[in-house]
Amino acid sequence: MSLIDFNKYEIVVGLEVHAQLLTKSKLFCG
């Protein structure tokens, strides 16, 4: 795995985690 591929993967994972946190906070806050 090259460094560029790792960076892309890290960005995708970061976005997914961020989206999950947003949806969870929306559910908790209503």
C-alpha atoms as a PDB file:
ATOM      1  CA  MET A   1       0.000   0.000   0.000  1.00  0.00           C
ATOM      2  CA  SER A   2       1.424   3.359  -1.017  1.00  0.00           C
ATOM      3  CA  LEU A   3       1.285   6.480   1.118  1.00  0.00           C
ATOM      4  CA  ILE A   4      -1.240   8.078  -1.254  1.00  0.00           C
ATOM      5  CA  ASP A   5      -3.607   5.100  -0.974  1.00  0.00           C
ATOM      6  CA  PHE A   6      -3.321   5.262   2.808  1.00  0.00           C
ATOM      7  CA  ASN A   7      -4.182   8.964   2.785  1.00  0.00           C
ATOM      8  CA  LYS A   8      -7.279   8.330   0.643  1.00  0.00           C
ATOM      9  CA  TYR A   9      -8.351   5.519   2.970  1.00  0.00           C
ATOM     10  CA  GLU A  10      -7.815   7.712   6.027  1.00  0.00           C
ATOM     11  CA  ILE A  11      -9.929  10.502   4.509  1.00  0.00           C
ATOM     12  CA  VAL A  12     -12.782   8.114   3.663  1.00  0.00           C
ATOM     13  CA  VAL A  13     -12.736   6.573   7.149  1.00  0.00           C
ATOM     14  CA  GLY A  14     -12.596  10.016   8.724  1.00  0.00           C
ATOM     15  CA  LEU A  15     -15.623  11.151   6.718  1.00  0.00           C
ATOM     16  CA  GLU A  16     -17.600   8.028   7.638  1.00  0.00           C
ATOM     17  CA  VAL A  17     -16.799   8.419  11.341  1.00  0.00           C
ATOM     18  CA  HIS A  18     -17.721  12.105  11.147  1.00  0.00           C
ATOM     19  CA  ALA A  19     -21.034  11.253   9.479  1.00  0.00           C
ATOM     20  CA  GLN A  20     -21.807   8.630  12.129  1.00  0.00           C
ATOM     21  CA  LEU A  21     -21.073  11.125  14.905  1.00  0.00           C
ATOM     22  CA  LEU A  22     -23.356  13.683  13.240  1.00  0.00           C
ATOM     23  CA  THR A  23     -26.239  11.218  12.906  1.00  0.00           C
ATOM     24  CA  LYS A  24     -25.772  10.033  16.502  1.00  0.00           C
ATOM     25  CA  SER A  25     -25.763  13.586  17.843  1.00  0.00           C
ATOM     26  CA  LYS A  26     -28.905  14.349  15.810  1.00  0.00           C
ATOM     27  CA  LEU A  27     -30.627  11.283  17.266  1.00  0.00           C
ATOM     28  CA  PHE A  28     -29.649  12.221  20.827  1.00  0.00           C
ATOM     29  CA  CYS A  29     -30.522  15.897  20.470  1.00  0.00           C
ATOM     30  CA  GLY A  30     -33.693  15.180  18.516  1.00  0.00           C
END
